[in-house]
Amino acid sequence: PREIEAARAEGGKAVVADVLGVVGEFCAVAMNKIFGKRDEVAAVYVDLDTKALNLVFKPGQDLDDETIAALAVEAGYRIAAVYRDDALMME
């Protein structure tokens, strides 16, 4: 997605989280709303095919795994795993 690529190009760190229970567009809207409100987050994208929450943080910003999990619960979902920049092969 363009917004994720643009945020990464500006030096933001990427995180991908596997989300349990994501089934449709409504789920994506809920996650976008919760994570999009955070000052640390430059871009949010929920991939409904892979059930993954993609986040890119603003340069120098971050959220720890526990905070990401708590925010997902706030949106009504649970995180199965979080993968950080080092483990991602997004190129």
C-alpha atoms as a PDB file:
ATOM      1  CA  PRO A   1       0.000   0.000   0.000  1.00  0.00           C
ATOM      2  CA  ARG A   2       1.177   3.472  -0.887  1.00  0.00           C
ATOM      3  CA  GLU A   3       0.848   4.969   2.620  1.00  0.00           C
ATOM      4  CA  ILE A   4       2.973   2.193   4.145  1.00  0.00           C
ATOM      5  CA  GLU A   5       5.675   2.573   1.484  1.00  0.00           C
ATOM      6  CA  ALA A   6       5.731   6.362   1.899  1.00  0.00           C
ATOM      7  CA  ALA A   7       6.067   6.131   5.686  1.00  0.00           C
ATOM      8  CA  ARG A   8       8.897   3.586   5.373  1.00  0.00           C
ATOM      9  CA  ALA A   9      10.652   5.808   2.826  1.00  0.00           C
ATOM     10  CA  GLU A  10      10.668   8.572   5.431  1.00  0.00           C
ATOM     11  CA  GLY A  11      12.568   6.329   7.832  1.00  0.00           C
ATOM     12  CA  GLY A  12       9.749   4.909   9.906  1.00  0.00           C
ATOM     13  CA  LYS A  13      10.129   1.493  11.513  1.00  0.00           C
ATOM     14  CA  ALA A  14       7.704  -1.169  10.362  1.00  0.00           C
ATOM     15  CA  VAL A  15       5.811  -3.711  12.421  1.00  0.00           C
ATOM     16  CA  VAL A  16       3.524  -6.484  11.220  1.00  0.00           C
ATOM     17  CA  ALA A  17       1.186  -8.187  13.674  1.00  0.00           C
ATOM     18  CA  ASP A  18      -0.833 -11.335  13.053  1.00  0.00           C
ATOM     19  CA  VAL A  19      -4.363 -10.597  14.258  1.00  0.00           C
ATOM     20  CA  LEU A  20      -6.861 -13.210  15.412  1.00  0.00           C
ATOM     21  CA  GLY A  21     -10.490 -12.771  14.437  1.00  0.00           C
ATOM     22  CA  VAL A  22     -10.148 -10.357  11.523  1.00  0.00           C
ATOM     23  CA  VAL A  23     -12.823 -11.235   8.976  1.00  0.00           C
ATOM     24  CA  GLY A  24     -13.842  -8.203   6.964  1.00  0.00           C
ATOM     25  CA  GLU A  25     -13.766  -4.512   6.225  1.00  0.00           C
ATOM     26  CA  PHE A  26     -15.426  -3.634   9.546  1.00  0.00           C
ATOM     27  CA  CYS A  27     -12.454  -5.206  11.343  1.00  0.00           C
ATOM     28  CA  ALA A  28     -10.029  -3.135   9.297  1.00  0.00           C
ATOM     29  CA  VAL A  29     -11.953   0.053  10.062  1.00  0.00           C
ATOM     30  CA  ALA A  30     -11.847  -0.660  13.812  1.00  0.00           C
ATOM     31  CA  MET A  31      -8.082  -1.280  13.757  1.00  0.00           C
ATOM     32  CA  ASN A  32      -7.410   1.771  11.562  1.00  0.00           C
ATOM     33  CA  LYS A  33      -9.403   3.932  13.952  1.00  0.00           C
ATOM     34  CA  ILE A  34      -7.611   2.769  17.102  1.00  0.00           C
ATOM     35  CA  PHE A  35      -4.068   2.757  15.709  1.00  0.00           C
ATOM     36  CA  GLY A  36      -4.571   5.789  13.476  1.00  0.00           C
ATOM     37  CA  LYS A  37      -5.230   7.952  16.547  1.00  0.00           C
ATOM     38  CA  ARG A  38      -1.792   7.244  17.981  1.00  0.00           C
ATOM     39  CA  ASP A  39       0.804   9.992  17.569  1.00  0.00           C
ATOM     40  CA  GLU A  40       3.549   7.384  17.067  1.00  0.00           C
ATOM     41  CA  VAL A  41       1.871   5.810  14.037  1.00  0.00           C
ATOM     42  CA  ALA A  42       2.597   7.226  10.572  1.00  0.00           C
ATOM     43  CA  ALA A  43       0.618   4.613   8.605  1.00  0.00           C
ATOM     44  CA  VAL A  44      -1.775   1.721   9.248  1.00  0.00           C
ATOM     45  CA  TYR A  45      -2.865  -0.969   6.842  1.00  0.00           C
ATOM     46  CA  VAL A  46      -4.900  -4.075   7.631  1.00  0.00           C
ATOM     47  CA  ASP A  47      -4.406  -6.842   5.083  1.00  0.00           C
ATOM     48  CA  LEU A  48      -7.603  -8.879   5.182  1.00  0.00           C
ATOM     49  CA  ASP A  49      -6.080 -11.680   3.075  1.00  0.00           C
ATOM     50  CA  THR A  50      -3.205 -12.355   5.474  1.00  0.00           C
ATOM     51  CA  LYS A  51      -5.024 -11.159   8.634  1.00  0.00           C
ATOM     52  CA  ALA A  52      -2.090  -8.856   9.323  1.00  0.00           C
ATOM     53  CA  LEU A  53      -1.931  -5.413  10.865  1.00  0.00           C
ATOM     54  CA  ASN A  54       0.833  -3.385   9.205  1.00  0.00           C
ATOM     55  CA  LEU A  55       2.121  -0.355  11.085  1.00  0.00           C
ATOM     56  CA  VAL A  56       4.854   2.120  10.273  1.00  0.00           C
ATOM     57  CA  PHE A  57       5.932   4.445  13.048  1.00  0.00           C
ATOM     58  CA  LYS A  58       7.059   8.020  12.662  1.00  0.00           C
ATOM     59  CA  PRO A  59      10.880   8.326  12.682  1.00  0.00           C
ATOM     60  CA  GLY A  60      12.163   7.939  16.232  1.00  0.00           C
ATOM     61  CA  GLN A  61       8.779   6.670  17.485  1.00  0.00           C
ATOM     62  CA  ASP A  62       7.648   3.179  18.492  1.00  0.00           C
ATOM     63  CA  LEU A  63       5.066   1.178  20.420  1.00  0.00           C
ATOM     64  CA  ASP A  64       6.107  -1.907  22.355  1.00  0.00           C
ATOM     65  CA  ASP A  65       4.490  -5.278  21.697  1.00  0.00           C
ATOM     66  CA  GLU A  66       2.375  -5.057  24.865  1.00  0.00           C
ATOM     67  CA  THR A  67       0.928  -1.692  23.818  1.00  0.00           C
ATOM     68  CA  ILE A  68       0.175  -2.999  20.323  1.00  0.00           C
ATOM     69  CA  ALA A  69      -1.594  -6.002  21.879  1.00  0.00           C
ATOM     70  CA  ALA A  70      -3.574  -3.772  24.286  1.00  0.00           C
ATOM     71  CA  LEU A  71      -4.673  -1.471  21.450  1.00  0.00           C
ATOM     72  CA  ALA A  72      -5.781  -4.480  19.396  1.00  0.00           C
ATOM     73  CA  VAL A  73      -7.877  -5.671  22.356  1.00  0.00           C
ATOM     74  CA  GLU A  74      -9.398  -2.170  22.521  1.00  0.00           C
ATOM     75  CA  ALA A  75     -10.402  -2.642  18.866  1.00  0.00           C
ATOM     76  CA  GLY A  76     -11.859  -6.066  19.727  1.00  0.00           C
ATOM     77  CA  TYR A  77      -9.046  -8.333  18.491  1.00  0.00           C
ATOM     78  CA  ARG A  78      -6.081 -10.287  19.767  1.00  0.00           C
ATOM     79  CA  ILE A  79      -2.549 -10.320  18.444  1.00  0.00           C
ATOM     80  CA  ALA A  80      -1.000 -13.734  17.771  1.00  0.00           C
ATOM     81  CA  ALA A  81       2.519 -12.488  16.973  1.00  0.00           C
ATOM     82  CA  VAL A  82       4.411  -9.248  16.304  1.00  0.00           C
ATOM     83  CA  TYR A  83       7.233  -9.028  13.781  1.00  0.00           C
ATOM     84  CA  ARG A  84       9.591  -6.053  13.835  1.00  0.00           C
ATOM     85  CA  ASP A  85      11.654  -4.446  11.041  1.00  0.00           C
ATOM     86  CA  ASP A  86      14.577  -6.879  11.366  1.00  0.00           C
ATOM     87  CA  ALA A  87      12.363  -9.886  10.719  1.00  0.00           C
ATOM     88  CA  LEU A  88      10.420  -8.349   7.840  1.00  0.00           C
ATOM     89  CA  MET A  89      11.219  -9.011   4.226  1.00  0.00           C
ATOM     90  CA  MET A  90       9.016  -6.340   2.690  1.00  0.00           C
ATOM     91  CA  GLU A  91      11.268  -5.389  -0.230  1.00  0.00           C
END
